[in-house]
Structures are given as structure tokens and as C-alpha cells.
PDB file of N, CA and C in Angstrom:
ATOM      1  N   MET A   1      26.365 -30.917 -41.146  1.00  0.00           N
ATOM      2  CA  MET A   1      26.080 -31.262 -42.546  1.00  0.00           C
ATOM      3  C   MET A   1      26.710 -30.232 -43.471  1.00  0.00           C
ATOM      4  N   SER A   2      26.418 -28.961 -43.234  1.00  0.00           N
ATOM      5  CA  SER A   2      26.951 -27.908 -44.121  1.00  0.00           C
ATOM      6  C   SER A   2      28.485 -27.897 -44.089  1.00  0.00           C
ATOM      7  N   SER A   3      29.048 -28.089 -42.897  1.00  0.00           N
ATOM      8  CA  SER A   3      30.522 -28.062 -42.799  1.00  0.00           C
ATOM      9  C   SER A   3      31.131 -29.175 -43.651  1.00  0.00           C
ATOM     10  N   THR A   4      30.510 -30.349 -43.620  1.00  0.00           N
ATOM     11  CA  THR A   4      31.028 -31.469 -44.422  1.00  0.00           C
ATOM     12  C   THR A   4      30.951 -31.132 -45.899  1.00  0.00           C
ATOM     13  N   ALA A   5      29.845 -30.538 -46.323  1.00  0.00           N
ATOM     14  CA  ALA A   5      29.675 -30.179 -47.740  1.00  0.00           C
ATOM     15  C   ALA A   5      30.726 -29.145 -48.125  1.00  0.00           C
ATOM     16  N   GLU A   6      30.965 -28.183 -47.241  1.00  0.00           N
ATOM     17  CA  GLU A   6      31.961 -27.147 -47.545  1.00  0.00           C
ATOM     18  C   GLU A   6      33.353 -27.772 -47.684  1.00  0.00           C
ATOM     19  N   LEU A   7      33.696 -28.672 -46.780  1.00  0.00           N
ATOM     20  CA  LEU A   7      35.014 -29.317 -46.863  1.00  0.00           C
ATOM     21  C   LEU A   7      35.143 -30.098 -48.162  1.00  0.00           C
ATOM     22  N   ALA A   8      34.096 -30.826 -48.531  1.00  0.00           N
ATOM     23  CA  ALA A   8      34.140 -31.615 -49.774  1.00  0.00           C
ATOM     24  C   ALA A   8      34.319 -30.676 -50.971  1.00  0.00           C
ATOM     25  N   ASN A   9      33.601 -29.551 -50.956  1.00  0.00           N
ATOM     26  CA  ASN A   9      33.704 -28.597 -52.068  1.00  0.00           C
ATOM     27  C   ASN A   9      35.127 -28.032 -52.143  1.00  0.00           C
ATOM     28  N   ILE A  10      35.697 -27.676 -50.998  1.00  0.00           N
ATOM     29  CA  ILE A  10      37.065 -27.126 -50.979  1.00  0.00           C
ATOM     30  C   ILE A  10      38.051 -28.158 -51.520  1.00  0.00           C
ATOM     31  N   VAL A  11      37.905 -29.407 -51.077  1.00  0.00           N
ATOM     32  CA  VAL A  11      38.821 -30.466 -51.542  1.00  0.00           C
ATOM     33  C   VAL A  11      38.696 -30.630 -53.043  1.00  0.00           C
ATOM     34  N   ARG A  12      37.445 -30.585 -53.549  1.00  0.00           N
ATOM     35  CA  ARG A  12      37.231 -30.756 -54.998  1.00  0.00           C
ATOM     36  C   ARG A  12      37.895 -29.618 -55.758  1.00  0.00           C
ATOM     37  N   VAL A  13      37.684 -28.393 -55.300  1.00  0.00           N
ATOM     38  CA  VAL A  13      38.284 -27.235 -55.978  1.00  0.00           C
ATOM     39  C   VAL A  13      39.806 -27.334 -55.937  1.00  0.00           C
ATOM     40  N   ALA A  14      40.349 -27.706 -54.781  1.00  0.00           N
ATOM     41  CA  ALA A  14      41.808 -27.833 -54.661  1.00  0.00           C
ATOM     42  C   ALA A  14      42.334 -28.878 -55.636  1.00  0.00           C
ATOM     43  N   ALA A  15      41.621 -29.998 -55.762  1.00  0.00           N
ATOM     44  CA  ALA A  15      42.062 -31.057 -56.679  1.00  0.00           C
ATOM     45  C   ALA A  15      42.045 -30.550 -58.116  1.00  0.00           C
ATOM     46  N   VAL A  16      40.988 -29.816 -58.478  1.00  0.00           N
ATOM     47  CA  VAL A  16      40.890 -29.288 -59.844  1.00  0.00           C
ATOM     48  C   VAL A  16      42.032 -28.307 -60.111  1.00  0.00           C
ATOM     49  N   LEU A  17      42.297 -27.415 -59.152  1.00  0.00           N
ATOM     50  CA  LEU A  17      43.373 -26.439 -59.334  1.00  0.00           C
ATOM     51  C   LEU A  17      44.720 -27.153 -59.451  1.00  0.00           C
ATOM     52  N   ALA A  18      44.941 -28.162 -58.627  1.00  0.00           N
ATOM     53  CA  ALA A  18      46.212 -28.902 -58.682  1.00  0.00           C
ATOM     54  C   ALA A  18      46.356 -29.585 -60.037  1.00  0.00           C
ATOM     55  N   ALA A  19      45.273 -30.189 -60.514  1.00  0.00           N
ATOM     56  CA  ALA A  19      45.328 -30.867 -61.820  1.00  0.00           C
ATOM     57  C   ALA A  19      45.634 -29.846 -62.915  1.00  0.00           C
ATOM     58  N   ALA A  20      44.986 -28.696 -62.865  1.00  0.00           N
ATOM     59  CA  ALA A  20      45.220 -27.664 -63.883  1.00  0.00           C
ATOM     60  C   ALA A  20      46.676 -27.203 -63.825  1.00  0.00           C
ATOM     61  N   GLY A  21      47.210 -27.037 -62.632  1.00  0.00           N
ATOM     62  CA  GLY A  21      48.595 -26.601 -62.485  1.00  0.00           C
ATOM     63  C   GLY A  21      49.548 -27.632 -63.079  1.00  0.00           C
ATOM     64  N   LYS A  22      49.296 -28.919 -62.818  1.00  0.00           N
ATOM     65  CA  LYS A  22      50.161 -29.965 -63.376  1.00  0.00           C
ATOM     66  C   LYS A  22      50.104 -29.947 -64.894  1.00  0.00           C
ATOM     67  N   VAL A  23      48.913 -29.791 -65.443  1.00  0.00           N
ATOM     68  CA  VAL A  23      48.760 -29.774 -66.908  1.00  0.00           C
ATOM     69  C   VAL A  23      49.532 -28.591 -67.479  1.00  0.00           C
ATOM     70  N   GLU A  24      49.416 -27.415 -66.853  1.00  0.00           N
ATOM     71  CA  GLU A  24      50.129 -26.235 -67.354  1.00  0.00           C
ATOM     72  C   GLU A  24      51.634 -26.462 -67.299  1.00  0.00           C
ATOM     73  N   LEU A  25      52.120 -27.061 -66.215  1.00  0.00           N
ATOM     74  CA  LEU A  25      53.561 -27.308 -66.100  1.00  0.00           C
ATOM     75  C   LEU A  25      54.020 -28.274 -67.183  1.00  0.00           C
ATOM     76  N   LYS A  26      53.213 -29.287 -67.471  1.00  0.00           N
ATOM     77  CA  LYS A  26      53.606 -30.265 -68.498  1.00  0.00           C
ATOM     78  C   LYS A  26      53.570 -29.630 -69.883  1.00  0.00           C
ATOM     79  N   VAL A  27      52.543 -28.820 -70.154  1.00  0.00           N
ATOM     80  CA  VAL A  27      52.403 -28.223 -71.484  1.00  0.00           C
ATOM     81  C   VAL A  27      53.462 -27.151 -71.703  1.00  0.00           C
ATOM     82  N   GLN A  28      53.705 -26.336 -70.672  1.00  0.00           N
ATOM     83  CA  GLN A  28      54.642 -25.218 -70.837  1.00  0.00           C
ATOM     84  C   GLN A  28      55.613 -25.177 -69.658  1.00  0.00           C
ATOM     85  N   PRO A  29      56.590 -26.068 -69.621  1.00  0.00           N
ATOM     86  CA  PRO A  29      57.546 -26.092 -68.501  1.00  0.00           C
ATOM     87  C   PRO A  29      58.442 -24.850 -68.499  1.00  0.00           C
ATOM     88  N   ARG A  30      58.813 -24.411 -67.296  1.00  0.00           N
ATOM     89  CA  ARG A  30      59.665 -23.221 -67.205  1.00  0.00           C
ATOM     90  C   ARG A  30      61.046 -23.635 -66.717  1.00  0.00           C
TER      91      ARG A  30
END
């Protein structure tokens, strides 16, 4: 149970970080 929750949390955090990275690239491309 705990392992599943941890994996879900990691996936959620990764998705949020990826979304933030895409937004930053779109707003301020290098």
C-alpha cells in the first residue's frame, strides 16, 4: 500500500515539475 502511494506521489511531482519546465521554456525560451 505505502509503496503504491509513494509511486503515485513521485509521478505527480514529476508531472508538476515537467509542466513547470515546459511553461518556463515557453515563457522564456533560450
